[in-house]
Amino acid sequence: MLDSKESDSANPEDKKLPTLDFDGKKYDINSLPDEVKDLLKGLQIADTQIRMHKDTLRLLDLGKNSLGVQLKQKLKNISPVKN
């Protein structure tokens, strides 16, 4: 959906213009209006936040699984109540 690229070449003449690839079309980011650039920044921030929260959820899931393993180990020698 959204992909912006900029070359990191050491030679300034070899540098490619930063481009936006959106809906199968490419745009020169430098020539876009400031309003569009602001929208791009907002999308980049949203993408970063989503990745951060996904990582947090993965860590929470790992922690939960670890707690489950510990609980299972602690309950191994304890007799359950009968119904």
PDB file of N, CA and C in Angstrom:
ATOM      1  N   MET A   1       0.820  -1.185   0.000  1.00  0.00           N
ATOM      2  CA  MET A   1       0.000   0.000   0.000  1.00  0.00           C
ATOM      3  C   MET A   1       0.863   1.248   0.000  1.00  0.00           C
ATOM      4  N   LEU A   2       1.755   1.394   0.976  1.00  0.00           N
ATOM      5  CA  LEU A   2       2.565   2.586   1.106  1.00  0.00           C
ATOM      6  C   LEU A   2       4.007   2.165   1.166  1.00  0.00           C
ATOM      7  N   ASP A   3       4.828   2.722   0.294  1.00  0.00           N
ATOM      8  CA  ASP A   3       6.232   2.388   0.287  1.00  0.00           C
ATOM      9  C   ASP A   3       7.003   3.591  -0.204  1.00  0.00           C
ATOM     10  N   SER A   4       7.873   4.148   0.650  1.00  0.00           N
ATOM     11  CA  SER A   4       8.701   5.253   0.201  1.00  0.00           C
ATOM     12  C   SER A   4      10.147   4.810   0.264  1.00  0.00           C
ATOM     13  N   LYS A   5      10.908   5.195  -0.747  1.00  0.00           N
ATOM     14  CA  LYS A   5      12.290   4.749  -0.853  1.00  0.00           C
ATOM     15  C   LYS A   5      13.184   5.922  -1.166  1.00  0.00           C
ATOM     16  N   GLU A   6      14.403   5.858  -0.607  1.00  0.00           N
ATOM     17  CA  GLU A   6      15.408   6.868  -0.911  1.00  0.00           C
ATOM     18  C   GLU A   6      16.753   6.167  -0.963  1.00  0.00           C
ATOM     19  N   SER A   7      17.532   6.443  -1.976  1.00  0.00           N
ATOM     20  CA  SER A   7      18.832   5.808  -2.141  1.00  0.00           C
ATOM     21  C   SER A   7      19.818   6.367  -1.129  1.00  0.00           C
ATOM     22  N   ASP A   8      20.732   5.519  -0.642  1.00  0.00           N
ATOM     23  CA  ASP A   8      21.762   5.944   0.300  1.00  0.00           C
ATOM     24  C   ASP A   8      23.129   5.997  -0.365  1.00  0.00           C
ATOM     25  N   SER A   9      23.186   6.269  -1.634  1.00  0.00           N
ATOM     26  CA  SER A   9      24.434   6.285  -2.383  1.00  0.00           C
ATOM     27  C   SER A   9      25.355   7.380  -1.861  1.00  0.00           C
ATOM     28  N   ALA A  10      26.673   7.117  -1.880  1.00  0.00           N
ATOM     29  CA  ALA A  10      27.652   8.097  -1.426  1.00  0.00           C
ATOM     30  C   ALA A  10      27.786   9.237  -2.423  1.00  0.00           C
ATOM     31  N   ASN A  11      27.521   8.995  -3.687  1.00  0.00           N
ATOM     32  CA  ASN A  11      27.635  10.002  -4.725  1.00  0.00           C
ATOM     33  C   ASN A  11      26.290  10.710  -4.886  1.00  0.00           C
ATOM     34  N   PRO A  12      26.235  12.034  -4.590  1.00  0.00           N
ATOM     35  CA  PRO A  12      24.951  12.736  -4.678  1.00  0.00           C
ATOM     36  C   PRO A  12      24.311  12.666  -6.060  1.00  0.00           C
ATOM     37  N   GLU A  13      25.122  12.574  -7.116  1.00  0.00           N
ATOM     38  CA  GLU A  13      24.563  12.504  -8.460  1.00  0.00           C
ATOM     39  C   GLU A  13      23.847  11.183  -8.705  1.00  0.00           C
ATOM     40  N   ASP A  14      24.264  10.133  -7.983  1.00  0.00           N
ATOM     41  CA  ASP A  14      23.653   8.818  -8.141  1.00  0.00           C
ATOM     42  C   ASP A  14      22.403   8.654  -7.271  1.00  0.00           C
ATOM     43  N   LYS A  15      22.141   9.627  -6.404  1.00  0.00           N
ATOM     44  CA  LYS A  15      20.993   9.510  -5.507  1.00  0.00           C
ATOM     45  C   LYS A  15      19.695   9.537  -6.295  1.00  0.00           C
ATOM     46  N   LYS A  16      18.826   8.627  -5.936  1.00  0.00           N
ATOM     47  CA  LYS A  16      17.497   8.616  -6.524  1.00  0.00           C
ATOM     48  C   LYS A  16      16.610   9.538  -5.701  1.00  0.00           C
ATOM     49  N   LEU A  17      15.635  10.094  -6.333  1.00  0.00           N
ATOM     50  CA  LEU A  17      14.680  10.929  -5.616  1.00  0.00           C
ATOM     51  C   LEU A  17      13.835  10.051  -4.706  1.00  0.00           C
ATOM     52  N   PRO A  18      13.485  10.566  -3.516  1.00  0.00           N
ATOM     53  CA  PRO A  18      12.584   9.787  -2.667  1.00  0.00           C
ATOM     54  C   PRO A  18      11.240   9.649  -3.365  1.00  0.00           C
ATOM     55  N   THR A  19      10.750   8.431  -3.426  1.00  0.00           N
ATOM     56  CA  THR A  19       9.494   8.193  -4.134  1.00  0.00           C
ATOM     57  C   THR A  19       8.478   7.525  -3.228  1.00  0.00           C
ATOM     58  N   LEU A  20       7.241   7.794  -3.534  1.00  0.00           N
ATOM     59  CA  LEU A  20       6.111   7.164  -2.871  1.00  0.00           C
ATOM     60  C   LEU A  20       5.486   6.214  -3.869  1.00  0.00           C
ATOM     61  N   ASP A  21       5.334   4.953  -3.469  1.00  0.00           N
ATOM     62  CA  ASP A  21       4.654   3.968  -4.297  1.00  0.00           C
ATOM     63  C   ASP A  21       3.300   3.713  -3.631  1.00  0.00           C
ATOM     64  N   PHE A  22       2.239   4.199  -4.254  1.00  0.00           N
ATOM     65  CA  PHE A  22       0.916   4.116  -3.643  1.00  0.00           C
ATOM     66  C   PHE A  22      -0.105   3.733  -4.702  1.00  0.00           C
ATOM     67  N   ASP A  23      -0.849   2.685  -4.446  1.00  0.00           N
ATOM     68  CA  ASP A  23      -1.867   2.187  -5.381  1.00  0.00           C
ATOM     69  C   ASP A  23      -1.296   1.933  -6.774  1.00  0.00           C
ATOM     70  N   GLY A  24      -0.077   1.401  -6.810  1.00  0.00           N
ATOM     71  CA  GLY A  24       0.538   1.043  -8.078  1.00  0.00           C
ATOM     72  C   GLY A  24       1.091   2.223  -8.860  1.00  0.00           C
ATOM     73  N   LYS A  25       1.122   3.402  -8.261  1.00  0.00           N
ATOM     74  CA  LYS A  25       1.660   4.589  -8.929  1.00  0.00           C
ATOM     75  C   LYS A  25       2.809   5.141  -8.100  1.00  0.00           C
ATOM     76  N   LYS A  26       3.779   5.756  -8.777  1.00  0.00           N
ATOM     77  CA  LYS A  26       4.937   6.332  -8.088  1.00  0.00           C
ATOM     78  C   LYS A  26       4.869   7.846  -8.152  1.00  0.00           C
ATOM     79  N   TYR A  27       5.248   8.464  -7.031  1.00  0.00           N
ATOM     80  CA  TYR A  27       5.224   9.920  -6.925  1.00  0.00           C
ATOM     81  C   TYR A  27       6.554  10.392  -6.345  1.00  0.00           C
ATOM     82  N   ASP A  28       7.029  11.543  -6.821  1.00  0.00           N
ATOM     83  CA  ASP A  28       8.215  12.190  -6.269  1.00  0.00           C
ATOM     84  C   ASP A  28       7.788  12.867  -4.971  1.00  0.00           C
ATOM     85  N   ILE A  29       8.290  12.375  -3.851  1.00  0.00           N
ATOM     86  CA  ILE A  29       7.867  12.893  -2.549  1.00  0.00           C
ATOM     87  C   ILE A  29       8.196  14.383  -2.422  1.00  0.00           C
ATOM     88  N   ASN A  30       9.361  14.808  -2.936  1.00  0.00           N
ATOM     89  CA  ASN A  30       9.752  16.217  -2.812  1.00  0.00           C
ATOM     90  C   ASN A  30       8.794  17.162  -3.526  1.00  0.00           C
ATOM     91  N   SER A  31       8.090  16.676  -4.533  1.00  0.00           N
ATOM     92  CA  SER A  31       7.197  17.565  -5.284  1.00  0.00           C
ATOM     93  C   SER A  31       5.768  17.546  -4.760  1.00  0.00           C
ATOM     94  N   LEU A  32       5.497  16.740  -3.749  1.00  0.00           N
ATOM     95  CA  LEU A  32       4.138  16.656  -3.205  1.00  0.00           C
ATOM     96  C   LEU A  32       3.836  17.877  -2.330  1.00  0.00           C
ATOM     97  N   PRO A  33       2.585  18.296  -2.266  1.00  0.00           N
ATOM     98  CA  PRO A  33       2.206  19.408  -1.385  1.00  0.00           C
ATOM     99  C   PRO A  33       2.446  19.036   0.081  1.00  0.00           C
ATOM    100  N   ASP A  34       2.668  20.055   0.900  1.00  0.00           N
ATOM    101  CA  ASP A  34       2.930  19.829   2.327  1.00  0.00           C
ATOM    102  C   ASP A  34       1.803  19.051   2.998  1.00  0.00           C
ATOM    103  N   GLU A  35       0.584  19.282   2.598  1.00  0.00           N
ATOM    104  CA  GLU A  35      -0.561  18.565   3.184  1.00  0.00           C
ATOM    105  C   GLU A  35      -0.432  17.062   2.946  1.00  0.00           C
ATOM    106  N   VAL A  36       0.020  16.685   1.749  1.00  0.00           N
ATOM    107  CA  VAL A  36       0.202  15.268   1.422  1.00  0.00           C
ATOM    108  C   VAL A  36       1.382  14.707   2.212  1.00  0.00           C
ATOM    109  N   LYS A  37       2.456  15.490   2.342  1.00  0.00           N
ATOM    110  CA  LYS A  37       3.618  15.050   3.127  1.00  0.00           C
ATOM    111  C   LYS A  37       3.214  14.823   4.583  1.00  0.00           C
ATOM    112  N   ASP A  38       2.353  15.693   5.104  1.00  0.00           N
ATOM    113  CA  ASP A  38       1.870  15.526   6.483  1.00  0.00           C
ATOM    114  C   ASP A  38       1.057  14.247   6.627  1.00  0.00           C
ATOM    115  N   LEU A  39       0.249  13.934   5.616  1.00  0.00           N
ATOM    116  CA  LEU A  39      -0.508  12.680   5.646  1.00  0.00           C
ATOM    117  C   LEU A  39       0.435  11.485   5.638  1.00  0.00           C
ATOM    118  N   LEU A  40       1.495  11.564   4.832  1.00  0.00           N
ATOM    119  CA  LEU A  40       2.492  10.486   4.787  1.00  0.00           C
ATOM    120  C   LEU A  40       3.161  10.298   6.142  1.00  0.00           C
ATOM    121  N   LYS A  41       3.506  11.407   6.785  1.00  0.00           N
ATOM    122  CA  LYS A  41       4.115  11.321   8.114  1.00  0.00           C
ATOM    123  C   LYS A  41       3.159  10.656   9.101  1.00  0.00           C
ATOM    124  N   GLY A  42       1.877  11.016   9.011  1.00  0.00           N
ATOM    125  CA  GLY A  42       0.876  10.405   9.886  1.00  0.00           C
ATOM    126  C   GLY A  42       0.769   8.904   9.657  1.00  0.00           C
ATOM    127  N   LEU A  43       0.800   8.492   8.386  1.00  0.00           N
ATOM    128  CA  LEU A  43       0.759   7.051   8.079  1.00  0.00           C
ATOM    129  C   LEU A  43       1.995   6.336   8.601  1.00  0.00           C
ATOM    130  N   GLN A  44       3.161   6.971   8.464  1.00  0.00           N
ATOM    131  CA  GLN A  44       4.388   6.356   8.964  1.00  0.00           C
ATOM    132  C   GLN A  44       4.348   6.209  10.485  1.00  0.00           C
ATOM    133  N   ILE A  45       3.832   7.221  11.164  1.00  0.00           N
ATOM    134  CA  ILE A  45       3.709   7.148  12.626  1.00  0.00           C
ATOM    135  C   ILE A  45       2.742   6.036  13.019  1.00  0.00           C
ATOM    136  N   ALA A  46       1.624   5.947  12.312  1.00  0.00           N
ATOM    137  CA  ALA A  46       0.647   4.894  12.601  1.00  0.00           C
ATOM    138  C   ALA A  46       1.262   3.511  12.395  1.00  0.00           C
ATOM    139  N   ASP A  47       2.009   3.336  11.291  1.00  0.00           N
ATOM    140  CA  ASP A  47       2.673   2.054  11.034  1.00  0.00           C
ATOM    141  C   ASP A  47       3.660   1.711  12.145  1.00  0.00           C
ATOM    142  N   THR A  48       4.420   2.704  12.594  1.00  0.00           N
ATOM    143  CA  THR A  48       5.393   2.483  13.669  1.00  0.00           C
ATOM    144  C   THR A  48       4.687   2.077  14.959  1.00  0.00           C
ATOM    145  N   GLN A  49       3.600   2.765  15.287  1.00  0.00           N
ATOM    146  CA  GLN A  49       2.850   2.444  16.504  1.00  0.00           C
ATOM    147  C   GLN A  49       2.245   1.045  16.429  1.00  0.00           C
ATOM    148  N   ILE A  50       1.732   0.680  15.273  1.00  0.00           N
ATOM    149  CA  ILE A  50       1.158  -0.667  15.106  1.00  0.00           C
ATOM    150  C   ILE A  50       2.229  -1.732  15.317  1.00  0.00           C
ATOM    151  N   ARG A  51       3.409  -1.530  14.714  1.00  0.00           N
ATOM    152  CA  ARG A  51       4.507  -2.500  14.910  1.00  0.00           C
ATOM    153  C   ARG A  51       4.900  -2.595  16.378  1.00  0.00           C
ATOM    154  N   MET A  52       4.980  -1.438  17.050  1.00  0.00           N
ATOM    155  CA  MET A  52       5.350  -1.426  18.460  1.00  0.00           C
ATOM    156  C   MET A  52       4.327  -2.201  19.293  1.00  0.00           C
ATOM    157  N   HIS A  53       3.050  -1.969  19.035  1.00  0.00           N
ATOM    158  CA  HIS A  53       2.014  -2.648  19.820  1.00  0.00           C
ATOM    159  C   HIS A  53       1.947  -4.143  19.498  1.00  0.00           C
ATOM    160  N   LYS A  54       2.206  -4.512  18.260  1.00  0.00           N
ATOM    161  CA  LYS A  54       2.264  -5.940  17.920  1.00  0.00           C
ATOM    162  C   LYS A  54       3.409  -6.611  18.681  1.00  0.00           C
ATOM    163  N   ASP A  55       4.559  -5.936  18.752  1.00  0.00           N
ATOM    164  CA  ASP A  55       5.690  -6.477  19.511  1.00  0.00           C
ATOM    165  C   ASP A  55       5.332  -6.615  20.987  1.00  0.00           C
ATOM    166  N   THR A  56       4.635  -5.622  21.525  1.00  0.00           N
ATOM    167  CA  THR A  56       4.205  -5.674  22.924  1.00  0.00           C
ATOM    168  C   THR A  56       3.261  -6.852  23.153  1.00  0.00           C
ATOM    169  N   LEU A  57       2.323  -7.064  22.233  1.00  0.00           N
ATOM    170  CA  LEU A  57       1.401  -8.200  22.362  1.00  0.00           C
ATOM    171  C   LEU A  57       2.148  -9.527  22.304  1.00  0.00           C
ATOM    172  N   ARG A  58       3.150  -9.621  21.436  1.00  0.00           N
ATOM    173  CA  ARG A  58       3.943 -10.866  21.376  1.00  0.00           C
ATOM    174  C   ARG A  58       4.660 -11.110  22.698  1.00  0.00           C
ATOM    175  N   LEU A  59       5.227 -10.052  23.289  1.00  0.00           N
ATOM    176  CA  LEU A  59       5.908 -10.201  24.580  1.00  0.00           C
ATOM    177  C   LEU A  59       4.927 -10.596  25.681  1.00  0.00           C
ATOM    178  N   LEU A  60       3.750  -9.995  25.681  1.00  0.00           N
ATOM    179  CA  LEU A  60       2.733 -10.359  26.672  1.00  0.00           C
ATOM    180  C   LEU A  60       2.302 -11.813  26.518  1.00  0.00           C
ATOM    181  N   ASP A  61       2.171 -12.259  25.269  1.00  0.00           N
ATOM    182  CA  ASP A  61       1.791 -13.643  25.013  1.00  0.00           C
ATOM    183  C   ASP A  61       2.872 -14.606  25.503  1.00  0.00           C
ATOM    184  N   LEU A  62       4.131 -14.254  25.247  1.00  0.00           N
ATOM    185  CA  LEU A  62       5.234 -15.089  25.750  1.00  0.00           C
ATOM    186  C   LEU A  62       5.216 -15.156  27.274  1.00  0.00           C
ATOM    187  N   GLY A  63       5.003 -13.999  27.913  1.00  0.00           N
ATOM    188  CA  GLY A  63       4.939 -13.957  29.369  1.00  0.00           C
ATOM    189  C   GLY A  63       3.788 -14.787  29.913  1.00  0.00           C
ATOM    190  N   LYS A  64       2.643 -14.687  29.262  1.00  0.00           N
ATOM    191  CA  LYS A  64       1.473 -15.472  29.678  1.00  0.00           C
ATOM    192  C   LYS A  64       1.752 -16.958  29.552  1.00  0.00           C
ATOM    193  N   ASN A  65       2.355 -17.364  28.442  1.00  0.00           N
ATOM    194  CA  ASN A  65       2.688 -18.781  28.257  1.00  0.00           C
ATOM    195  C   ASN A  65       3.664 -19.261  29.319  1.00  0.00           C
ATOM    196  N   SER A  66       4.635 -18.428  29.650  1.00  0.00           N
ATOM    197  CA  SER A  66       5.607 -18.783  30.689  1.00  0.00           C
ATOM    198  C   SER A  66       4.914 -18.950  32.043  1.00  0.00           C
ATOM    199  N   LEU A  67       3.990 -18.051  32.346  1.00  0.00           N
ATOM    200  CA  LEU A  67       3.242 -18.168  33.599  1.00  0.00           C
ATOM    201  C   LEU A  67       2.414 -19.449  33.626  1.00  0.00           C
ATOM    202  N   GLY A  68       1.827 -19.819  32.499  1.00  0.00           N
ATOM    203  CA  GLY A  68       1.052 -21.061  32.414  1.00  0.00           C
ATOM    204  C   GLY A  68       1.925 -22.278  32.665  1.00  0.00           C
ATOM    205  N   VAL A  69       3.129 -22.278  32.105  1.00  0.00           N
ATOM    206  CA  VAL A  69       4.065 -23.389  32.314  1.00  0.00           C
ATOM    207  C   VAL A  69       4.456 -23.462  33.792  1.00  0.00           C
ATOM    208  N   GLN A  70       4.718 -22.317  34.402  1.00  0.00           N
ATOM    209  CA  GLN A  70       5.085 -22.287  35.824  1.00  0.00           C
ATOM    210  C   GLN A  70       3.929 -22.782  36.693  1.00  0.00           C
ATOM    211  N   LEU A  71       2.713 -22.351  36.363  1.00  0.00           N
ATOM    212  CA  LEU A  71       1.548 -22.787  37.126  1.00  0.00           C
ATOM    213  C   LEU A  71       1.364 -24.294  37.016  1.00  0.00           C
ATOM    214  N   LYS A  72       1.506 -24.819  35.822  1.00  0.00           N
ATOM    215  CA  LYS A  72       1.371 -26.261  35.607  1.00  0.00           C
ATOM    216  C   LYS A  72       2.403 -27.021  36.441  1.00  0.00           C
ATOM    217  N   GLN A  73       3.619 -26.520  36.470  1.00  0.00           N
ATOM    218  CA  GLN A  73       4.696 -27.153  37.238  1.00  0.00           C
ATOM    219  C   GLN A  73       4.371 -27.129  38.735  1.00  0.00           C
ATOM    220  N   LYS A  74       3.881 -25.991  39.238  1.00  0.00           N
ATOM    221  CA  LYS A  74       3.565 -25.855  40.673  1.00  0.00           C
ATOM    222  C   LYS A  74       2.384 -26.718  41.075  1.00  0.00           C
ATOM    223  N   LEU A  75       1.422 -26.908  40.144  1.00  0.00           N
ATOM    224  CA  LEU A  75       0.228 -27.696  40.482  1.00  0.00           C
ATOM    225  C   LEU A  75       0.449 -29.202  40.294  1.00  0.00           C
ATOM    226  N   LYS A  76       1.586 -29.573  39.736  1.00  0.00           N
ATOM    227  CA  LYS A  76       1.844 -30.981  39.427  1.00  0.00           C
ATOM    228  C   LYS A  76       1.716 -31.893  40.649  1.00  0.00           C
ATOM    229  N   ASN A  77       2.169 -31.444  41.814  1.00  0.00           N
ATOM    230  CA  ASN A  77       2.158 -32.281  43.020  1.00  0.00           C
ATOM    231  C   ASN A  77       1.014 -31.928  43.982  1.00  0.00           C
ATOM    232  N   ILE A  78       0.065 -31.154  43.506  1.00  0.00           N
ATOM    233  CA  ILE A  78      -1.078 -30.782  44.336  1.00  0.00           C
ATOM    234  C   ILE A  78      -2.301 -31.524  43.820  1.00  0.00           C
ATOM    235  N   SER A  79      -3.024 -32.152  44.763  1.00  0.00           N
ATOM    236  CA  SER A  79      -4.217 -32.921  44.373  1.00  0.00           C
ATOM    237  C   SER A  79      -5.373 -31.988  44.076  1.00  0.00           C
ATOM    238  N   PRO A  80      -6.030 -32.192  42.950  1.00  0.00           N
ATOM    239  CA  PRO A  80      -7.205 -31.358  42.632  1.00  0.00           C
ATOM    240  C   PRO A  80      -8.392 -31.771  43.496  1.00  0.00           C
ATOM    241  N   VAL A  81      -9.342 -30.876  43.640  1.00  0.00           N
ATOM    242  CA  VAL A  81     -10.560 -31.196  44.389  1.00  0.00           C
ATOM    243  C   VAL A  81     -11.449 -32.075  43.538  1.00  0.00           C
ATOM    244  N   LYS A  82     -12.237 -32.898  44.175  1.00  0.00           N
ATOM    245  CA  LYS A  82     -13.128 -33.794  43.448  1.00  0.00           C
ATOM    246  C   LYS A  82     -14.486 -33.128  43.324  1.00  0.00           C
ATOM    247  N   ASN A  83     -15.133 -33.311  42.200  1.00  0.00           N
ATOM    248  CA  ASN A  83     -16.466 -32.737  41.971  1.00  0.00           C
ATOM    249  C   ASN A  83     -17.522 -33.556  42.642  1.00  0.00           C
TER     250      ASN A  83
END
